[in-house]
Amino acid sequence: QVQVVESGGGLVQAGGSLRLSCEASGGIFSLGVMGWYRQAPGKQRELVGTVTSGGNTNYADSVKGRFTISRDNVKRTVYLQMNSLKPEDTAVYYCNAVHTDAALRRSLYWGQGTQVTVSA
């Protein structure tokens, strides 16, 4: 059983910075693409960005140039560095990960989410 746990959320002023972490643990064989999504109240969950096992990234236009995704394969952790935060960045941020088990079967796992609130 794979667990995905986000941490680092909180309250921050507009223009400030915050770093989120997401660790995948338990029965890990191989981790593929990991990603960050966010969901504001009354809104659909939207893509923030993804990072491949090789470190290639892509970002939504709304965060491009402000957010940076990185990963540490030894620590089994992906990070979301958020700079120049805006009130519209307020949302619950979710992490996911593609896991391949010893039988080469792929599964997608989601974390519980962490709240990010940006005040004016």
N, C-alpha and C. Protein backbone atom coordinates (compact mmCIF):
# COMPACT_ATOMS: atom_id res chain seq x y z
N GLN A 1 0.84 -1.18 0.00
CA GLN A 1 0.00 0.00 0.00
C GLN A 1 0.88 1.24 0.00
N VAL A 2 0.61 2.15 -0.93
CA VAL A 2 1.37 3.38 -1.05
C VAL A 2 0.59 4.52 -0.40
N GLN A 3 1.29 5.32 0.39
CA GLN A 3 0.71 6.50 0.98
C GLN A 3 1.37 7.74 0.40
N VAL A 4 0.57 8.76 0.12
CA VAL A 4 1.05 10.03 -0.39
C VAL A 4 0.59 11.10 0.59
N VAL A 5 1.54 11.85 1.15
CA VAL A 5 1.23 12.81 2.20
C VAL A 5 1.84 14.16 1.87
N GLU A 6 0.99 15.20 1.80
CA GLU A 6 1.44 16.56 1.57
C GLU A 6 1.66 17.27 2.91
N SER A 7 2.55 18.25 2.90
CA SER A 7 2.78 19.08 4.07
C SER A 7 3.28 20.44 3.63
N GLY A 8 3.23 21.41 4.54
CA GLY A 8 3.78 22.73 4.27
C GLY A 8 2.76 23.81 4.00
N GLY A 9 1.48 23.47 3.95
CA GLY A 9 0.46 24.47 3.71
C GLY A 9 0.30 25.40 4.90
N GLY A 10 -0.37 26.52 4.67
CA GLY A 10 -0.59 27.48 5.73
C GLY A 10 -1.08 28.80 5.20
N LEU A 11 -0.99 29.81 6.04
CA LEU A 11 -1.43 31.16 5.71
C LEU A 11 -0.22 32.02 5.38
N VAL A 12 -0.28 32.73 4.27
CA VAL A 12 0.83 33.58 3.85
C VAL A 12 0.28 34.86 3.22
N GLN A 13 1.03 35.94 3.35
CA GLN A 13 0.62 37.21 2.74
C GLN A 13 0.90 37.22 1.24
N ALA A 14 0.10 37.98 0.50
CA ALA A 14 0.34 38.15 -0.93
C ALA A 14 1.77 38.64 -1.16
N GLY A 15 2.40 38.07 -2.17
CA GLY A 15 3.79 38.39 -2.46
C GLY A 15 4.79 37.51 -1.75
N GLY A 16 4.31 36.72 -0.80
CA GLY A 16 5.18 35.85 -0.04
C GLY A 16 5.44 34.53 -0.72
N SER A 17 6.13 33.65 0.00
CA SER A 17 6.53 32.36 -0.54
C SER A 17 6.15 31.24 0.41
N LEU A 18 6.01 30.06 -0.16
CA LEU A 18 5.68 28.87 0.61
C LEU A 18 6.21 27.66 -0.16
N ARG A 19 6.71 26.66 0.57
CA ARG A 19 7.15 25.43 -0.07
C ARG A 19 6.35 24.25 0.45
N LEU A 20 5.73 23.54 -0.47
CA LEU A 20 4.99 22.33 -0.14
C LEU A 20 5.85 21.11 -0.42
N SER A 21 5.66 20.08 0.39
CA SER A 21 6.36 18.81 0.20
C SER A 21 5.33 17.70 0.06
N CYS A 22 5.69 16.67 -0.68
CA CYS A 22 4.83 15.51 -0.86
C CYS A 22 5.71 14.28 -0.87
N GLU A 23 5.50 13.40 0.12
CA GLU A 23 6.29 12.18 0.22
C GLU A 23 5.43 10.95 -0.07
N ALA A 24 5.93 10.07 -0.91
CA ALA A 24 5.29 8.79 -1.17
C ALA A 24 6.04 7.72 -0.40
N SER A 25 5.31 6.90 0.36
CA SER A 25 5.95 5.90 1.20
C SER A 25 5.13 4.62 1.23
N GLY A 26 5.78 3.53 1.69
CA GLY A 26 5.10 2.26 1.86
C GLY A 26 5.04 1.44 0.60
N GLY A 27 5.79 0.35 0.57
CA GLY A 27 5.72 -0.59 -0.55
C GLY A 27 6.13 -0.03 -1.90
N ILE A 28 7.06 0.90 -1.88
CA ILE A 28 7.48 1.55 -3.12
C ILE A 28 8.41 0.66 -3.93
N PHE A 29 8.07 0.49 -5.20
CA PHE A 29 8.93 -0.21 -6.14
C PHE A 29 9.53 0.78 -7.14
N SER A 30 8.66 1.55 -7.78
CA SER A 30 9.12 2.53 -8.74
C SER A 30 8.10 3.66 -8.85
N LEU A 31 8.57 4.89 -8.77
CA LEU A 31 7.71 6.06 -8.91
C LEU A 31 7.93 6.71 -10.27
N GLY A 32 6.85 6.96 -10.97
CA GLY A 32 6.91 7.65 -12.25
C GLY A 32 6.59 9.12 -12.09
N VAL A 33 5.72 9.62 -12.96
CA VAL A 33 5.32 11.03 -12.92
C VAL A 33 4.67 11.37 -11.59
N MET A 34 5.05 12.50 -11.01
CA MET A 34 4.39 13.05 -9.83
C MET A 34 3.89 14.44 -10.19
N GLY A 35 2.77 14.82 -9.59
CA GLY A 35 2.18 16.09 -9.95
C GLY A 35 1.50 16.81 -8.81
N TRP A 36 1.26 18.10 -9.04
CA TRP A 36 0.53 18.93 -8.11
C TRP A 36 -0.74 19.46 -8.78
N TYR A 37 -1.84 19.38 -8.06
CA TYR A 37 -3.11 19.94 -8.48
C TYR A 37 -3.65 20.81 -7.36
N ARG A 38 -4.63 21.66 -7.68
CA ARG A 38 -5.25 22.46 -6.64
C ARG A 38 -6.74 22.61 -6.91
N GLN A 39 -7.49 22.84 -5.85
CA GLN A 39 -8.93 22.99 -5.96
C GLN A 39 -9.42 24.07 -5.00
N ALA A 40 -10.00 25.13 -5.56
CA ALA A 40 -10.61 26.19 -4.78
C ALA A 40 -12.08 25.86 -4.56
N PRO A 41 -12.71 26.43 -3.53
CA PRO A 41 -14.13 26.16 -3.27
C PRO A 41 -15.00 26.44 -4.49
N GLY A 42 -15.86 25.48 -4.84
CA GLY A 42 -16.75 25.64 -5.97
C GLY A 42 -16.10 25.49 -7.33
N LYS A 43 -14.84 25.14 -7.36
CA LYS A 43 -14.11 25.02 -8.62
C LYS A 43 -13.69 23.58 -8.88
N GLN A 44 -13.42 23.28 -10.14
CA GLN A 44 -12.85 21.99 -10.50
C GLN A 44 -11.39 21.93 -10.10
N ARG A 45 -10.93 20.73 -9.79
CA ARG A 45 -9.53 20.54 -9.53
C ARG A 45 -8.74 20.81 -10.81
N GLU A 46 -7.67 21.59 -10.70
CA GLU A 46 -6.89 21.96 -11.86
C GLU A 46 -5.43 21.60 -11.70
N LEU A 47 -4.79 21.37 -12.82
CA LEU A 47 -3.37 21.05 -12.84
C LEU A 47 -2.54 22.26 -12.45
N VAL A 48 -1.57 22.05 -11.57
CA VAL A 48 -0.55 23.05 -11.27
C VAL A 48 0.71 22.75 -12.07
N GLY A 49 1.18 21.52 -11.97
CA GLY A 49 2.36 21.12 -12.73
C GLY A 49 2.73 19.68 -12.45
N THR A 50 3.62 19.15 -13.28
CA THR A 50 4.07 17.77 -13.14
C THR A 50 5.58 17.70 -13.30
N VAL A 51 6.15 16.61 -12.79
CA VAL A 51 7.57 16.35 -12.96
C VAL A 51 7.76 14.86 -13.22
N THR A 52 8.52 14.52 -14.24
CA THR A 52 8.80 13.12 -14.55
C THR A 52 9.90 12.59 -13.65
N SER A 53 10.10 11.27 -13.70
CA SER A 53 11.17 10.66 -12.91
C SER A 53 12.54 11.18 -13.32
N GLY A 54 12.66 11.67 -14.55
CA GLY A 54 13.91 12.24 -15.03
C GLY A 54 14.08 13.71 -14.74
N GLY A 55 13.05 14.34 -14.14
CA GLY A 55 13.16 15.74 -13.76
C GLY A 55 12.57 16.74 -14.73
N ASN A 56 11.95 16.28 -15.81
CA ASN A 56 11.31 17.20 -16.74
C ASN A 56 9.99 17.72 -16.16
N THR A 57 9.76 19.02 -16.28
CA THR A 57 8.59 19.65 -15.68
C THR A 57 7.71 20.33 -16.71
N ASN A 58 6.44 20.49 -16.35
CA ASN A 58 5.55 21.36 -17.09
C ASN A 58 4.62 22.04 -16.09
N TYR A 59 4.12 23.24 -16.46
CA TYR A 59 3.34 24.06 -15.55
C TYR A 59 2.11 24.64 -16.23
N ALA A 60 1.08 24.87 -15.43
CA ALA A 60 -0.05 25.63 -15.90
C ALA A 60 0.37 27.08 -16.15
N ASP A 61 -0.27 27.72 -17.13
CA ASP A 61 0.08 29.11 -17.44
C ASP A 61 -0.09 30.03 -16.25
N SER A 62 -1.05 29.74 -15.38
CA SER A 62 -1.35 30.61 -14.26
C SER A 62 -0.23 30.66 -13.21
N VAL A 63 0.65 29.66 -13.20
CA VAL A 63 1.71 29.62 -12.21
C VAL A 63 3.10 29.68 -12.82
N LYS A 64 3.18 29.61 -14.13
CA LYS A 64 4.46 29.61 -14.82
C LYS A 64 5.27 30.86 -14.47
N GLY A 65 6.52 30.65 -14.10
CA GLY A 65 7.40 31.74 -13.71
C GLY A 65 7.37 32.06 -12.23
N ARG A 66 6.36 31.56 -11.52
CA ARG A 66 6.24 31.80 -10.08
C ARG A 66 6.45 30.54 -9.26
N PHE A 67 5.99 29.41 -9.77
CA PHE A 67 6.08 28.14 -9.05
C PHE A 67 7.15 27.26 -9.69
N THR A 68 7.81 26.45 -8.87
CA THR A 68 8.82 25.52 -9.34
C THR A 68 8.60 24.16 -8.70
N ILE A 69 8.57 23.12 -9.54
CA ILE A 69 8.43 21.75 -9.06
C ILE A 69 9.78 21.04 -9.18
N SER A 70 10.15 20.31 -8.14
CA SER A 70 11.36 19.51 -8.17
C SER A 70 11.10 18.20 -7.43
N ARG A 71 12.01 17.24 -7.59
CA ARG A 71 11.82 15.97 -6.88
C ARG A 71 13.15 15.40 -6.43
N ASP A 72 13.08 14.62 -5.37
CA ASP A 72 14.23 13.91 -4.83
C ASP A 72 13.84 12.43 -4.81
N ASN A 73 14.40 11.67 -5.73
CA ASN A 73 14.00 10.27 -5.86
C ASN A 73 14.49 9.40 -4.70
N VAL A 74 15.57 9.82 -4.04
CA VAL A 74 16.04 9.08 -2.88
C VAL A 74 15.08 9.26 -1.71
N LYS A 75 14.64 10.50 -1.49
CA LYS A 75 13.70 10.80 -0.43
C LYS A 75 12.26 10.48 -0.81
N ARG A 76 12.02 10.12 -2.06
CA ARG A 76 10.69 9.81 -2.57
C ARG A 76 9.75 11.00 -2.39
N THR A 77 10.26 12.18 -2.64
CA THR A 77 9.55 13.41 -2.33
C THR A 77 9.55 14.37 -3.52
N VAL A 78 8.41 15.01 -3.74
CA VAL A 78 8.30 16.07 -4.72
C VAL A 78 7.98 17.36 -3.99
N TYR A 79 8.52 18.48 -4.48
CA TYR A 79 8.36 19.77 -3.85
C TYR A 79 7.66 20.74 -4.79
N LEU A 80 6.93 21.67 -4.19
CA LEU A 80 6.33 22.77 -4.93
C LEU A 80 6.75 24.06 -4.24
N GLN A 81 7.68 24.78 -4.86
CA GLN A 81 8.12 26.08 -4.36
C GLN A 81 7.23 27.15 -4.97
N MET A 82 6.52 27.89 -4.14
CA MET A 82 5.57 28.89 -4.60
C MET A 82 6.07 30.27 -4.19
N ASN A 83 6.34 31.12 -5.17
CA ASN A 83 6.79 32.48 -4.94
C ASN A 83 5.78 33.47 -5.50
N SER A 84 5.89 34.71 -5.06
CA SER A 84 4.99 35.78 -5.53
C SER A 84 3.54 35.36 -5.46
N LEU A 85 3.15 34.82 -4.32
CA LEU A 85 1.80 34.28 -4.16
C LEU A 85 0.74 35.37 -4.27
N LYS A 86 -0.39 34.99 -4.85
CA LYS A 86 -1.53 35.87 -5.04
C LYS A 86 -2.74 35.30 -4.32
N PRO A 87 -3.70 36.15 -3.95
CA PRO A 87 -4.91 35.62 -3.30
C PRO A 87 -5.61 34.55 -4.13
N GLU A 88 -5.56 34.64 -5.45
CA GLU A 88 -6.19 33.64 -6.30
C GLU A 88 -5.48 32.29 -6.28
N ASP A 89 -4.33 32.21 -5.63
CA ASP A 89 -3.66 30.93 -5.44
C ASP A 89 -4.25 30.15 -4.28
N THR A 90 -5.14 30.76 -3.51
CA THR A 90 -5.76 30.10 -2.38
C THR A 90 -6.53 28.87 -2.84
N ALA A 91 -6.21 27.72 -2.26
CA ALA A 91 -6.83 26.46 -2.65
C ALA A 91 -6.31 25.35 -1.76
N VAL A 92 -6.94 24.18 -1.87
CA VAL A 92 -6.36 22.97 -1.32
C VAL A 92 -5.45 22.39 -2.39
N TYR A 93 -4.21 22.13 -2.03
CA TYR A 93 -3.23 21.61 -2.97
C TYR A 93 -3.05 20.11 -2.76
N TYR A 94 -3.16 19.36 -3.85
CA TYR A 94 -3.07 17.91 -3.82
C TYR A 94 -1.86 17.42 -4.61
N CYS A 95 -1.26 16.38 -4.12
CA CYS A 95 -0.15 15.73 -4.80
C CYS A 95 -0.61 14.36 -5.29
N ASN A 96 -0.11 13.93 -6.45
CA ASN A 96 -0.33 12.56 -6.87
C ASN A 96 0.95 11.94 -7.40
N ALA A 97 0.92 10.62 -7.52
CA ALA A 97 2.10 9.89 -7.96
C ALA A 97 1.68 8.63 -8.68
N VAL A 98 2.37 8.32 -9.76
CA VAL A 98 2.18 7.06 -10.46
C VAL A 98 3.17 6.05 -9.89
N HIS A 99 2.64 4.92 -9.42
CA HIS A 99 3.47 3.87 -8.83
C HIS A 99 3.39 2.61 -9.66
N THR A 100 4.55 2.02 -9.93
CA THR A 100 4.62 0.74 -10.60
C THR A 100 5.10 -0.30 -9.59
N ASP A 101 4.32 -1.39 -9.43
CA ASP A 101 4.70 -2.40 -8.45
C ASP A 101 5.61 -3.45 -9.07
N ALA A 102 5.95 -4.48 -8.28
CA ALA A 102 6.88 -5.50 -8.73
C ALA A 102 6.34 -6.31 -9.90
N ALA A 103 5.02 -6.33 -10.08
CA ALA A 103 4.40 -7.02 -11.20
C ALA A 103 4.22 -6.10 -12.40
N LEU A 104 4.80 -4.91 -12.34
CA LEU A 104 4.76 -3.92 -13.42
C LEU A 104 3.36 -3.39 -13.69
N ARG A 105 2.53 -3.35 -12.65
CA ARG A 105 1.20 -2.77 -12.75
C ARG A 105 1.22 -1.34 -12.20
N ARG A 106 0.64 -0.41 -12.95
CA ARG A 106 0.67 1.00 -12.58
C ARG A 106 -0.61 1.41 -11.86
N SER A 107 -0.45 2.23 -10.84
CA SER A 107 -1.57 2.79 -10.10
C SER A 107 -1.31 4.25 -9.80
N LEU A 108 -2.38 5.04 -9.73
CA LEU A 108 -2.28 6.45 -9.40
C LEU A 108 -2.76 6.67 -7.97
N TYR A 109 -1.93 7.33 -7.17
CA TYR A 109 -2.24 7.60 -5.77
C TYR A 109 -2.32 9.09 -5.53
N TRP A 110 -3.29 9.49 -4.71
CA TRP A 110 -3.51 10.88 -4.34
C TRP A 110 -3.30 11.10 -2.85
N GLY A 111 -2.78 12.27 -2.50
CA GLY A 111 -2.68 12.66 -1.11
C GLY A 111 -3.98 13.25 -0.60
N GLN A 112 -4.00 13.60 0.68
CA GLN A 112 -5.19 14.14 1.31
C GLN A 112 -5.38 15.63 1.06
N GLY A 113 -4.34 16.32 0.65
CA GLY A 113 -4.39 17.74 0.38
C GLY A 113 -3.89 18.57 1.54
N THR A 114 -3.39 19.75 1.23
CA THR A 114 -2.96 20.71 2.24
C THR A 114 -3.46 22.10 1.84
N GLN A 115 -4.00 22.82 2.82
CA GLN A 115 -4.63 24.12 2.56
C GLN A 115 -3.59 25.22 2.44
N VAL A 116 -3.69 26.00 1.38
CA VAL A 116 -2.88 27.20 1.20
C VAL A 116 -3.82 28.40 1.12
N THR A 117 -3.62 29.36 2.01
CA THR A 117 -4.44 30.56 2.03
C THR A 117 -3.54 31.78 1.89
N VAL A 118 -3.83 32.61 0.89
CA VAL A 118 -3.03 33.81 0.61
C VAL A 118 -3.89 35.03 0.90
N SER A 119 -3.46 35.86 1.84
CA SER A 119 -4.19 37.06 2.21
C SER A 119 -3.62 38.28 1.51
N ALA A 120 -4.46 39.28 1.30
CA ALA A 120 -4.05 40.50 0.65
C ALA A 120 -3.16 41.34 1.56
